[in-house]
PDB file of N, CA and C in Angstrom:
ATOM      1  N   UNK A   1     134.924 190.496 172.111  1.00  0.00           N
ATOM      2  CA  UNK A   1     134.185 191.482 172.875  1.00  0.00           C
ATOM      3  C   UNK A   1     134.712 192.880 172.576  1.00  0.00           C
ATOM      4  N   UNK A   2     133.837 193.834 172.679  1.00  0.00           N
ATOM      5  CA  UNK A   2     134.226 195.212 172.449  1.00  0.00           C
ATOM      6  C   UNK A   2     134.923 195.775 173.671  1.00  0.00           C
ATOM      7  N   UNK A   3     135.752 196.801 173.446  1.00  0.00           N
ATOM      8  CA  UNK A   3     136.363 197.528 174.545  1.00  0.00           C
ATOM      9  C   UNK A   3     135.298 198.392 175.213  1.00  0.00           C
ATOM     10  N   UNK A   4     135.640 198.940 176.353  1.00  0.00           N
ATOM     11  CA  UNK A   4     134.718 199.850 177.039  1.00  0.00           C
ATOM     12  C   UNK A   4     134.465 201.073 176.156  1.00  0.00           C
ATOM     13  N   UNK A   5     133.288 201.705 176.313  1.00  0.00           N
ATOM     14  CA  UNK A   5     132.951 202.854 175.462  1.00  0.00           C
ATOM     15  C   UNK A   5     134.035 203.924 175.432  1.00  0.00           C
ATOM     16  N   UNK A   6     134.268 204.452 174.261  1.00  0.00           N
ATOM     17  CA  UNK A   6     135.269 205.481 174.033  1.00  0.00           C
ATOM     18  C   UNK A   6     134.559 206.804 173.799  1.00  0.00           C
ATOM     19  N   UNK A   7     135.005 207.819 174.488  1.00  0.00           N
ATOM     20  CA  UNK A   7     134.352 209.120 174.384  1.00  0.00           C
ATOM     21  C   UNK A   7     135.290 210.156 173.782  1.00  0.00           C
ATOM     22  N   UNK A   8     136.114 209.744 172.865  1.00  0.00           N
ATOM     23  CA  UNK A   8     137.078 210.645 172.263  1.00  0.00           C
ATOM     24  C   UNK A   8     136.498 211.472 171.140  1.00  0.00           C
ATOM     25  N   UNK A   9     137.370 212.143 170.400  1.00  0.00           N
ATOM     26  CA  UNK A   9     136.910 213.044 169.339  1.00  0.00           C
ATOM     27  C   UNK A   9     136.210 212.300 168.206  1.00  0.00           C
ATOM     28  N   UNK A  10     135.330 212.991 167.574  1.00  0.00           N
ATOM     29  CA  UNK A  10     134.575 212.450 166.450  1.00  0.00           C
ATOM     30  C   UNK A  10     134.637 213.459 165.311  1.00  0.00           C
ATOM     31  N   UNK A  11     134.494 212.980 164.118  1.00  0.00           N
ATOM     32  CA  UNK A  11     134.536 213.879 162.957  1.00  0.00           C
ATOM     33  C   UNK A  11     133.137 214.320 162.543  1.00  0.00           C
ATOM     34  N   UNK A  12     132.157 214.082 163.389  1.00  0.00           N
ATOM     35  CA  UNK A  12     130.785 214.464 163.062  1.00  0.00           C
ATOM     36  C   UNK A  12     130.356 215.642 163.909  1.00  0.00           C
ATOM     37  N   UNK A  13     129.178 216.122 163.646  1.00  0.00           N
ATOM     38  CA  UNK A  13     128.639 217.228 164.418  1.00  0.00           C
ATOM     39  C   UNK A  13     127.407 216.800 165.200  1.00  0.00           C
ATOM     40  N   UNK A  14     127.326 215.528 165.580  1.00  0.00           N
ATOM     41  CA  UNK A  14     126.157 215.028 166.306  1.00  0.00           C
ATOM     42  C   UNK A  14     125.903 215.776 167.600  1.00  0.00           C
ATOM     43  N   UNK A  15     126.932 216.370 168.188  1.00  0.00           N
ATOM     44  CA  UNK A  15     126.790 217.017 169.478  1.00  0.00           C
ATOM     45  C   UNK A  15     126.827 218.542 169.388  1.00  0.00           C
ATOM     46  N   UNK A  16     126.884 219.062 168.176  1.00  0.00           N
ATOM     47  CA  UNK A  16     126.885 220.514 168.009  1.00  0.00           C
ATOM     48  C   UNK A  16     125.562 221.097 168.494  1.00  0.00           C
ATOM     49  N   UNK A  17     125.639 222.286 169.052  1.00  0.00           N
ATOM     50  CA  UNK A  17     124.476 223.053 169.495  1.00  0.00           C
ATOM     51  C   UNK A  17     123.707 222.385 170.637  1.00  0.00           C
ATOM     52  N   UNK A  18     124.342 221.469 171.350  1.00  0.00           N
ATOM     53  CA  UNK A  18     123.712 220.858 172.515  1.00  0.00           C
ATOM     54  C   UNK A  18     124.281 221.468 173.781  1.00  0.00           C
ATOM     55  N   UNK A  19     123.444 221.550 174.798  1.00  0.00           N
ATOM     56  CA  UNK A  19     123.937 222.009 176.096  1.00  0.00           C
ATOM     57  C   UNK A  19     124.808 220.907 176.688  1.00  0.00           C
ATOM     58  N   UNK A  20     125.622 221.234 177.672  1.00  0.00           N
ATOM     59  CA  UNK A  20     126.439 220.179 178.299  1.00  0.00           C
ATOM     60  C   UNK A  20     125.599 219.014 178.826  1.00  0.00           C
ATOM     61  N   UNK A  21     124.436 219.321 179.411  1.00  0.00           N
ATOM     62  CA  UNK A  21     123.566 218.247 179.907  1.00  0.00           C
ATOM     63  C   UNK A  21     123.037 217.390 178.759  1.00  0.00           C
ATOM     64  N   UNK A  22     122.646 218.039 177.666  1.00  0.00           N
ATOM     65  CA  UNK A  22     122.163 217.290 176.505  1.00  0.00           C
ATOM     66  C   UNK A  22     123.279 216.436 175.898  1.00  0.00           C
ATOM     67  N   UNK A  23     124.484 217.001 175.866  1.00  0.00           N
ATOM     68  CA  UNK A  23     125.626 216.244 175.339  1.00  0.00           C
ATOM     69  C   UNK A  23     125.917 215.035 176.213  1.00  0.00           C
ATOM     70  N   UNK A  24     125.872 215.205 177.525  1.00  0.00           N
ATOM     71  CA  UNK A  24     126.119 214.087 178.439  1.00  0.00           C
ATOM     72  C   UNK A  24     125.065 213.005 178.254  1.00  0.00           C
ATOM     73  N   UNK A  25     123.819 213.417 178.100  1.00  0.00           N
ATOM     74  CA  UNK A  25     122.740 212.442 177.885  1.00  0.00           C
ATOM     75  C   UNK A  25     122.939 211.710 176.560  1.00  0.00           C
ATOM     76  N   UNK A  26     123.256 212.438 175.517  1.00  0.00           N
ATOM     77  CA  UNK A  26     123.480 211.817 174.206  1.00  0.00           C
ATOM     78  C   UNK A  26     124.667 210.861 174.254  1.00  0.00           C
ATOM     79  N   UNK A  27     125.741 211.261 174.916  1.00  0.00           N
ATOM     80  CA  UNK A  27     126.916 210.406 175.038  1.00  0.00           C
ATOM     81  C   UNK A  27     126.566 209.122 175.780  1.00  0.00           C
ATOM     82  N   UNK A  28     125.819 209.259 176.848  1.00  0.00           N
ATOM     83  CA  UNK A  28     125.410 208.076 177.616  1.00  0.00           C
ATOM     84  C   UNK A  28     124.551 207.146 176.756  1.00  0.00           C
ATOM     85  N   UNK A  29     123.634 207.715 175.980  1.00  0.00           N
ATOM     86  CA  UNK A  29     122.795 206.888 175.112  1.00  0.00           C
ATOM     87  C   UNK A  29     123.628 206.182 174.048  1.00  0.00           C
ATOM     88  N   UNK A  30     124.614 206.874 173.494  1.00  0.00           N
ATOM     89  CA  UNK A  30     125.501 206.227 172.519  1.00  0.00           C
ATOM     90  C   UNK A  30     126.269 205.080 173.164  1.00  0.00           C
ATOM     91  N   UNK A  31     126.717 205.276 174.394  1.00  0.00           N
ATOM     92  CA  UNK A  31     127.442 204.208 175.077  1.00  0.00           C
ATOM     93  C   UNK A  31     126.537 203.010 175.304  1.00  0.00           C
ATOM     94  N   UNK A  32     125.311 203.246 175.735  1.00  0.00           N
ATOM     95  CA  UNK A  32     124.365 202.143 175.924  1.00  0.00           C
ATOM     96  C   UNK A  32     124.040 201.474 174.598  1.00  0.00           C
ATOM     97  N   UNK A  33     123.849 202.273 173.577  1.00  0.00           N
ATOM     98  CA  UNK A  33     123.566 201.733 172.253  1.00  0.00           C
ATOM     99  C   UNK A  33     124.733 200.890 171.765  1.00  0.00           C
ATOM    100  N   UNK A  34     125.946 201.349 172.025  1.00  0.00           N
ATOM    101  CA  UNK A  34     127.128 200.606 171.618  1.00  0.00           C
ATOM    102  C   UNK A  34     127.197 199.229 172.248  1.00  0.00           C
ATOM    103  N   UNK A  35     126.705 199.088 173.468  1.00  0.00           N
ATOM    104  CA  UNK A  35     126.706 197.788 174.125  1.00  0.00           C
ATOM    105  C   UNK A  35     125.752 196.816 173.432  1.00  0.00           C
ATOM    106  N   UNK A  36     124.842 197.326 172.623  1.00  0.00           N
ATOM    107  CA  UNK A  36     123.900 196.460 171.892  1.00  0.00           C
ATOM    108  C   UNK A  36     124.533 195.823 170.663  1.00  0.00           C
ATOM    109  N   UNK A  37     125.679 196.326 170.226  1.00  0.00           N
ATOM    110  CA  UNK A  37     126.297 195.859 168.991  1.00  0.00           C
ATOM    111  C   UNK A  37     127.748 195.494 169.249  1.00  0.00           C
ATOM    112  N   UNK A  38     127.988 194.288 169.690  1.00  0.00           N
ATOM    113  CA  UNK A  38     129.349 193.885 170.032  1.00  0.00           C
ATOM    114  C   UNK A  38     130.256 193.766 168.816  1.00  0.00           C
ATOM    115  N   UNK A  39     129.698 193.727 167.621  1.00  0.00           N
ATOM    116  CA  UNK A  39     130.523 193.589 166.425  1.00  0.00           C
ATOM    117  C   UNK A  39     130.950 194.933 165.859  1.00  0.00           C
ATOM    118  N   UNK A  40     130.504 196.029 166.455  1.00  0.00           N
ATOM    119  CA  UNK A  40     130.841 197.365 165.984  1.00  0.00           C
ATOM    120  C   UNK A  40     131.774 198.004 167.006  1.00  0.00           C
ATOM    121  N   UNK A  41     132.843 198.616 166.533  1.00  0.00           N
ATOM    122  CA  UNK A  41     133.776 199.261 167.455  1.00  0.00           C
ATOM    123  C   UNK A  41     133.148 200.522 168.032  1.00  0.00           C
ATOM    124  N   UNK A  42     133.671 200.941 169.162  1.00  0.00           N
ATOM    125  CA  UNK A  42     133.166 202.162 169.792  1.00  0.00           C
ATOM    126  C   UNK A  42     133.353 203.365 168.873  1.00  0.00           C
ATOM    127  N   UNK A  43     134.483 203.409 168.170  1.00  0.00           N
ATOM    128  CA  UNK A  43     134.734 204.524 167.270  1.00  0.00           C
ATOM    129  C   UNK A  43     133.687 204.588 166.168  1.00  0.00           C
ATOM    130  N   UNK A  44     133.253 203.427 165.680  1.00  0.00           N
ATOM    131  CA  UNK A  44     132.227 203.406 164.647  1.00  0.00           C
ATOM    132  C   UNK A  44     130.851 203.766 165.199  1.00  0.00           C
ATOM    133  N   UNK A  45     130.636 203.498 166.467  1.00  0.00           N
ATOM    134  CA  UNK A  45     129.325 203.735 167.069  1.00  0.00           C
ATOM    135  C   UNK A  45     129.146 205.183 167.506  1.00  0.00           C
ATOM    136  N   UNK A  46     130.154 205.751 168.144  1.00  0.00           N
ATOM    137  CA  UNK A  46     129.994 207.046 168.789  1.00  0.00           C
ATOM    138  C   UNK A  46     129.883 208.185 167.779  1.00  0.00           C
ATOM    139  N   UNK A  47     128.844 208.957 167.938  1.00  0.00           N
ATOM    140  CA  UNK A  47     128.702 210.197 167.194  1.00  0.00           C
ATOM    141  C   UNK A  47     128.528 210.048 165.706  1.00  0.00           C
ATOM    142  N   UNK A  48     128.034 208.908 165.251  1.00  0.00           N
ATOM    143  CA  UNK A  48     127.883 208.697 163.809  1.00  0.00           C
ATOM    144  C   UNK A  48     126.432 208.828 163.353  1.00  0.00           C
ATOM    145  N   UNK A  49     125.591 209.360 164.201  1.00  0.00           N
ATOM    146  CA  UNK A  49     124.193 209.531 163.805  1.00  0.00           C
ATOM    147  C   UNK A  49     123.392 208.252 163.953  1.00  0.00           C
ATOM    148  N   UNK A  50     123.852 207.332 164.817  1.00  0.00           N
ATOM    149  CA  UNK A  50     123.145 206.065 164.989  1.00  0.00           C
ATOM    150  C   UNK A  50     122.070 206.145 166.060  1.00  0.00           C
ATOM    151  N   UNK A  51     121.920 207.283 166.702  1.00  0.00           N
ATOM    152  CA  UNK A  51     120.922 207.397 167.752  1.00  0.00           C
ATOM    153  C   UNK A  51     119.557 207.045 167.180  1.00  0.00           C
ATOM    154  N   UNK A  52     118.760 206.372 167.976  1.00  0.00           N
ATOM    155  CA  UNK A  52     117.432 205.976 167.510  1.00  0.00           C
ATOM    156  C   UNK A  52     116.381 206.589 168.416  1.00  0.00           C
ATOM    157  N   UNK A  53     115.213 206.789 167.874  1.00  0.00           N
ATOM    158  CA  UNK A  53     114.132 207.384 168.648  1.00  0.00           C
ATOM    159  C   UNK A  53     113.519 206.397 169.628  1.00  0.00           C
ATOM    160  N   UNK A  54     113.449 205.130 169.244  1.00  0.00           N
ATOM    161  CA  UNK A  54     112.799 204.145 170.099  1.00  0.00           C
ATOM    162  C   UNK A  54     113.701 202.937 170.335  1.00  0.00           C
ATOM    163  N   UNK A  55     114.264 202.819 171.535  1.00  0.00           N
ATOM    164  CA  UNK A  55     115.092 201.652 171.845  1.00  0.00           C
ATOM    165  C   UNK A  55     114.304 200.348 171.781  1.00  0.00           C
ATOM    166  N   UNK A  56     112.975 200.434 171.822  1.00  0.00           N
ATOM    167  CA  UNK A  56     112.175 199.206 171.734  1.00  0.00           C
ATOM    168  C   UNK A  56     112.377 198.498 170.399  1.00  0.00           C
ATOM    169  N   UNK A  57     112.774 199.258 169.370  1.00  0.00           N
ATOM    170  CA  UNK A  57     113.099 198.630 168.092  1.00  0.00           C
ATOM    171  C   UNK A  57     114.257 197.661 168.291  1.00  0.00           C
ATOM    172  N   UNK A  58     115.260 198.090 169.060  1.00  0.00           N
ATOM    173  CA  UNK A  58     116.394 197.207 169.355  1.00  0.00           C
ATOM    174  C   UNK A  58     115.969 196.034 170.223  1.00  0.00           C
ATOM    175  N   UNK A  59     115.134 196.305 171.222  1.00  0.00           N
ATOM    176  CA  UNK A  59     114.669 195.230 172.101  1.00  0.00           C
ATOM    177  C   UNK A  59     113.960 194.161 171.281  1.00  0.00           C
ATOM    178  N   UNK A  60     113.056 194.576 170.405  1.00  0.00           N
ATOM    179  CA  UNK A  60     112.330 193.619 169.566  1.00  0.00           C
ATOM    180  C   UNK A  60     113.280 192.851 168.659  1.00  0.00           C
ATOM    181  N   UNK A  61     114.218 193.553 168.045  1.00  0.00           N
ATOM    182  CA  UNK A  61     115.160 192.889 167.146  1.00  0.00           C
ATOM    183  C   UNK A  61     116.039 191.889 167.868  1.00  0.00           C
ATOM    184  N   UNK A  62     116.558 192.278 169.021  1.00  0.00           N
ATOM    185  CA  UNK A  62     117.400 191.356 169.780  1.00  0.00           C
ATOM    186  C   UNK A  62     116.587 190.200 170.349  1.00  0.00           C
ATOM    187  N   UNK A  63     115.337 190.443 170.719  1.00  0.00           N
ATOM    188  CA  UNK A  63     114.481 189.354 171.199  1.00  0.00           C
ATOM    189  C   UNK A  63     114.238 188.347 170.077  1.00  0.00           C
ATOM    190  N   UNK A  64     114.002 188.836 168.869  1.00  0.00           N
ATOM    191  CA  UNK A  64     113.845 187.938 167.719  1.00  0.00           C
ATOM    192  C   UNK A  64     115.125 187.135 167.495  1.00  0.00           C
ATOM    193  N   UNK A  65     116.276 187.809 167.559  1.00  0.00           N
ATOM    194  CA  UNK A  65     117.551 187.113 167.379  1.00  0.00           C
ATOM    195  C   UNK A  65     117.767 186.069 168.470  1.00  0.00           C
ATOM    196  N   UNK A  66     117.387 186.394 169.693  1.00  0.00           N
ATOM    197  CA  UNK A  66     117.546 185.455 170.804  1.00  0.00           C
ATOM    198  C   UNK A  66     116.675 184.223 170.599  1.00  0.00           C
ATOM    199  N   UNK A  67     115.426 184.431 170.211  1.00  0.00           N
ATOM    200  CA  UNK A  67     114.541 183.279 169.965  1.00  0.00           C
ATOM    201  C   UNK A  67     115.078 182.406 168.839  1.00  0.00           C
ATOM    202  N   UNK A  68     115.574 183.032 167.786  1.00  0.00           N
ATOM    203  CA  UNK A  68     116.150 182.275 166.671  1.00  0.00           C
ATOM    204  C   UNK A  68     117.378 181.502 167.137  1.00  0.00           C
ATOM    205  N   UNK A  69     118.243 182.159 167.897  1.00  0.00           N
ATOM    206  CA  UNK A  69     119.453 181.503 168.400  1.00  0.00           C
ATOM    207  C   UNK A  69     119.101 180.342 169.324  1.00  0.00           C
ATOM    208  N   UNK A  70     118.076 180.508 170.140  1.00  0.00           N
ATOM    209  CA  UNK A  70     117.666 179.425 171.028  1.00  0.00           C
ATOM    210  C   UNK A  70     117.158 178.223 170.233  1.00  0.00           C
ATOM    211  N   UNK A  71     116.379 178.480 169.182  1.00  0.00           N
ATOM    212  CA  UNK A  71     115.905 177.382 168.323  1.00  0.00           C
ATOM    213  C   UNK A  71     117.073 176.691 167.633  1.00  0.00           C
ATOM    214  N   UNK A  72     118.014 177.494 167.107  1.00  0.00           N
ATOM    215  CA  UNK A  72     119.168 176.921 166.416  1.00  0.00           C
ATOM    216  C   UNK A  72     120.062 176.146 167.371  1.00  0.00           C
ATOM    217  N   UNK A  73     120.213 176.638 168.590  1.00  0.00           N
ATOM    218  CA  UNK A  73     121.027 175.934 169.577  1.00  0.00           C
ATOM    219  C   UNK A  73     120.385 174.602 169.952  1.00  0.00           C
ATOM    220  N   UNK A  74     119.076 174.593 170.141  1.00  0.00           N
ATOM    221  CA  UNK A  74     118.386 173.334 170.452  1.00  0.00           C
ATOM    222  C   UNK A  74     118.564 172.337 169.311  1.00  0.00           C
ATOM    223  N   UNK A  75     118.483 172.808 168.075  1.00  0.00           N
ATOM    224  CA  UNK A  75     118.680 171.926 166.922  1.00  0.00           C
ATOM    225  C   UNK A  75     120.116 171.427 166.860  1.00  0.00           C
ATOM    226  N   UNK A  76     121.079 172.300 167.185  1.00  0.00           N
ATOM    227  CA  UNK A  76     122.486 171.890 167.181  1.00  0.00           C
ATOM    228  C   UNK A  76     122.759 170.849 168.259  1.00  0.00           C
ATOM    229  N   UNK A  77     122.141 170.997 169.417  1.00  0.00           N
ATOM    230  CA  UNK A  77     122.293 170.003 170.477  1.00  0.00           C
ATOM    231  C   UNK A  77     121.688 168.674 170.021  1.00  0.00           C
ATOM    232  N   UNK A  78     120.525 168.712 169.404  1.00  0.00           N
ATOM    233  CA  UNK A  78     119.900 167.491 168.906  1.00  0.00           C
ATOM    234  C   UNK A  78     120.789 166.816 167.856  1.00  0.00           C
ATOM    235  N   UNK A  79     121.396 167.611 167.000  1.00  0.00           N
ATOM    236  CA  UNK A  79     122.304 167.067 165.989  1.00  0.00           C
ATOM    237  C   UNK A  79     123.526 166.430 166.652  1.00  0.00           C
ATOM    238  N   UNK A  80     124.087 167.105 167.643  1.00  0.00           N
ATOM    239  CA  UNK A  80     125.245 166.548 168.355  1.00  0.00           C
ATOM    240  C   UNK A  80     124.885 165.230 169.013  1.00  0.00           C
ATOM    241  N   UNK A  81     123.718 165.163 169.618  1.00  0.00           N
ATOM    242  CA  UNK A  81     123.277 163.906 170.234  1.00  0.00           C
ATOM    243  C   UNK A  81     123.106 162.830 169.170  1.00  0.00           C
ATOM    244  N   UNK A  82     122.509 163.194 168.033  1.00  0.00           N
ATOM    245  CA  UNK A  82     122.294 162.218 166.953  1.00  0.00           C
ATOM    246  C   UNK A  82     123.612 161.713 166.390  1.00  0.00           C
ATOM    247  N   UNK A  83     124.645 162.553 166.445  1.00  0.00           N
ATOM    248  CA  UNK A  83     125.960 162.151 165.941  1.00  0.00           C
ATOM    249  C   UNK A  83     126.797 161.439 166.992  1.00  0.00           C
ATOM    250  N   UNK A  84     126.234 161.230 168.183  1.00  0.00           N
ATOM    251  CA  UNK A  84     126.918 160.440 169.188  1.00  0.00           C
ATOM    252  C   UNK A  84     127.619 161.191 170.295  1.00  0.00           C
ATOM    253  N   UNK A  85     127.539 162.518 170.319  1.00  0.00           N
ATOM    254  CA  UNK A  85     128.144 163.251 171.428  1.00  0.00           C
ATOM    255  C   UNK A  85     127.350 162.987 172.698  1.00  0.00           C
ATOM    256  N   UNK A  86     128.070 162.807 173.808  1.00  0.00           N
ATOM    257  CA  UNK A  86     127.370 162.549 175.070  1.00  0.00           C
ATOM    258  C   UNK A  86     127.037 163.870 175.761  1.00  0.00           C
ATOM    259  N   UNK A  87     126.198 163.769 176.796  1.00  0.00           N
ATOM    260  CA  UNK A  87     125.746 164.968 177.491  1.00  0.00           C
ATOM    261  C   UNK A  87     126.879 165.712 178.180  1.00  0.00           C
ATOM    262  N   UNK A  88     127.898 165.020 178.609  1.00  0.00           N
ATOM    263  CA  UNK A  88     129.035 165.679 179.249  1.00  0.00           C
ATOM    264  C   UNK A  88     129.747 166.584 178.249  1.00  0.00           C
ATOM    265  N   UNK A  89     129.980 166.088 177.033  1.00  0.00           N
ATOM    266  CA  UNK A  89     130.627 166.891 175.985  1.00  0.00           C
ATOM    267  C   UNK A  89     129.762 168.101 175.613  1.00  0.00           C
ATOM    268  N   UNK A  90     128.476 167.849 175.472  1.00  0.00           N
ATOM    269  CA  UNK A  90     127.554 168.930 175.095  1.00  0.00           C
ATOM    270  C   UNK A  90     127.500 169.983 176.191  1.00  0.00           C
ATOM    271  N   UNK A  91     127.415 169.541 177.435  1.00  0.00           N
ATOM    272  CA  UNK A  91     127.366 170.479 178.560  1.00  0.00           C
ATOM    273  C   UNK A  91     128.624 171.338 178.604  1.00  0.00           C
ATOM    274  N   UNK A  92     129.762 170.728 178.331  1.00  0.00           N
ATOM    275  CA  UNK A  92     131.013 171.484 178.315  1.00  0.00           C
ATOM    276  C   UNK A  92     130.984 172.549 177.220  1.00  0.00           C
ATOM    277  N   UNK A  93     130.497 172.177 176.038  1.00  0.00           N
ATOM    278  CA  UNK A  93     130.401 173.141 174.939  1.00  0.00           C
ATOM    279  C   UNK A  93     129.427 174.282 175.273  1.00  0.00           C
ATOM    280  N   UNK A  94     128.399 173.961 176.046  1.00  0.00           N
ATOM    281  CA  UNK A  94     127.405 174.961 176.438  1.00  0.00           C
ATOM    282  C   UNK A  94     127.828 175.765 177.664  1.00  0.00           C
ATOM    283  N   UNK A  95     128.929 175.360 178.289  1.00  0.00           N
ATOM    284  CA  UNK A  95     129.399 176.005 179.520  1.00  0.00           C
ATOM    285  C   UNK A  95     128.325 175.955 180.606  1.00  0.00           C
ATOM    286  N   UNK A  96     127.776 174.759 180.781  1.00  0.00           N
ATOM    287  CA  UNK A  96     126.802 174.531 181.835  1.00  0.00           C
ATOM    288  C   UNK A  96     127.004 173.132 182.387  1.00  0.00           C
ATOM    289  N   UNK A  97     126.337 172.828 183.469  1.00  0.00           N
ATOM    290  CA  UNK A  97     126.475 171.496 184.043  1.00  0.00           C
ATOM    291  C   UNK A  97     125.753 170.480 183.170  1.00  0.00           C
ATOM    292  N   UNK A  98     126.165 169.239 183.309  1.00  0.00           N
ATOM    293  CA  UNK A  98     125.530 168.165 182.557  1.00  0.00           C
ATOM    294  C   UNK A  98     124.037 168.111 182.888  1.00  0.00           C
ATOM    295  N   UNK A  99     123.711 168.225 184.175  1.00  0.00           N
ATOM    296  CA  UNK A  99     122.307 168.163 184.602  1.00  0.00           C
ATOM    297  C   UNK A  99     121.483 169.296 183.977  1.00  0.00           C
ATOM    298  N   UNK A 100     122.046 170.497 183.920  1.00  0.00           N
ATOM    299  CA  UNK A 100     121.338 171.620 183.316  1.00  0.00           C
ATOM    300  C   UNK A 100     121.157 171.413 181.808  1.00  0.00           C
ATOM    301  N   UNK A 101     122.187 170.875 181.151  1.00  0.00           N
ATOM    302  CA  UNK A 101     122.081 170.636 179.702  1.00  0.00           C
ATOM    303  C   UNK A 101     121.005 169.598 179.407  1.00  0.00           C
ATOM    304  N   UNK A 102     120.991 168.520 180.183  1.00  0.00           N
ATOM    305  CA  UNK A 102     119.967 167.481 179.985  1.00  0.00           C
ATOM    306  C   UNK A 102     118.581 168.060 180.252  1.00  0.00           C
ATOM    307  N   UNK A 103     118.462 168.809 181.355  1.00  0.00           N
ATOM    308  CA  UNK A 103     117.157 169.376 181.701  1.00  0.00           C
ATOM    309  C   UNK A 103     116.633 170.329 180.625  1.00  0.00           C
ATOM    310  N   UNK A 104     117.523 171.101 180.046  1.00  0.00           N
ATOM    311  CA  UNK A 104     117.107 172.081 179.056  1.00  0.00           C
ATOM    312  C   UNK A 104     116.879 171.507 177.670  1.00  0.00           C
ATOM    313  N   UNK A 105     117.714 170.531 177.261  1.00  0.00           N
ATOM    314  CA  UNK A 105     117.704 170.127 175.850  1.00  0.00           C
ATOM    315  C   UNK A 105     117.278 168.689 175.595  1.00  0.00           C
ATOM    316  N   UNK A 106     117.076 167.879 176.614  1.00  0.00           N
ATOM    317  CA  UNK A 106     116.649 166.504 176.378  1.00  0.00           C
ATOM    318  C   UNK A 106     115.121 166.480 176.367  1.00  0.00           C
ATOM    319  N   UNK A 107     114.565 166.324 175.192  1.00  0.00           N
ATOM    320  CA  UNK A 107     113.109 166.306 175.028  1.00  0.00           C
ATOM    321  C   UNK A 107     112.430 165.205 175.803  1.00  0.00           C
ATOM    322  N   UNK A 108     113.181 164.201 176.190  1.00  0.00           N
ATOM    323  CA  UNK A 108     112.586 163.078 176.926  1.00  0.00           C
ATOM    324  C   UNK A 108     112.554 163.337 178.420  1.00  0.00           C
ATOM    325  N   UNK A 109     113.341 164.296 178.895  1.00  0.00           N
ATOM    326  CA  UNK A 109     113.445 164.519 180.349  1.00  0.00           C
ATOM    327  C   UNK A 109     112.202 165.185 180.894  1.00  0.00           C
TER     328      UNK A 109
END
């Protein structure tokens, strides 16, 4: 997991010529944007020109990734079942109750 957003010095000029209110808004947007990318450090995210015009681009991209991950997870659960893992083991790996794992991933339920 990433550390909390860092608002320290940057070697860029992303905030030059902005009013204090504009700078605060830009900083807040960078912090929110940084939460979208857990694999990128705050130092790499802040003030590097990563601001985007439409956050919906991120929403769409993450929604696509979520749907793909859900399909892959369902396939991985099916593979684990086919290889003999029981629902208790699978539920533990999923960090959910056995009943929830069966309800979500057992096609026969």
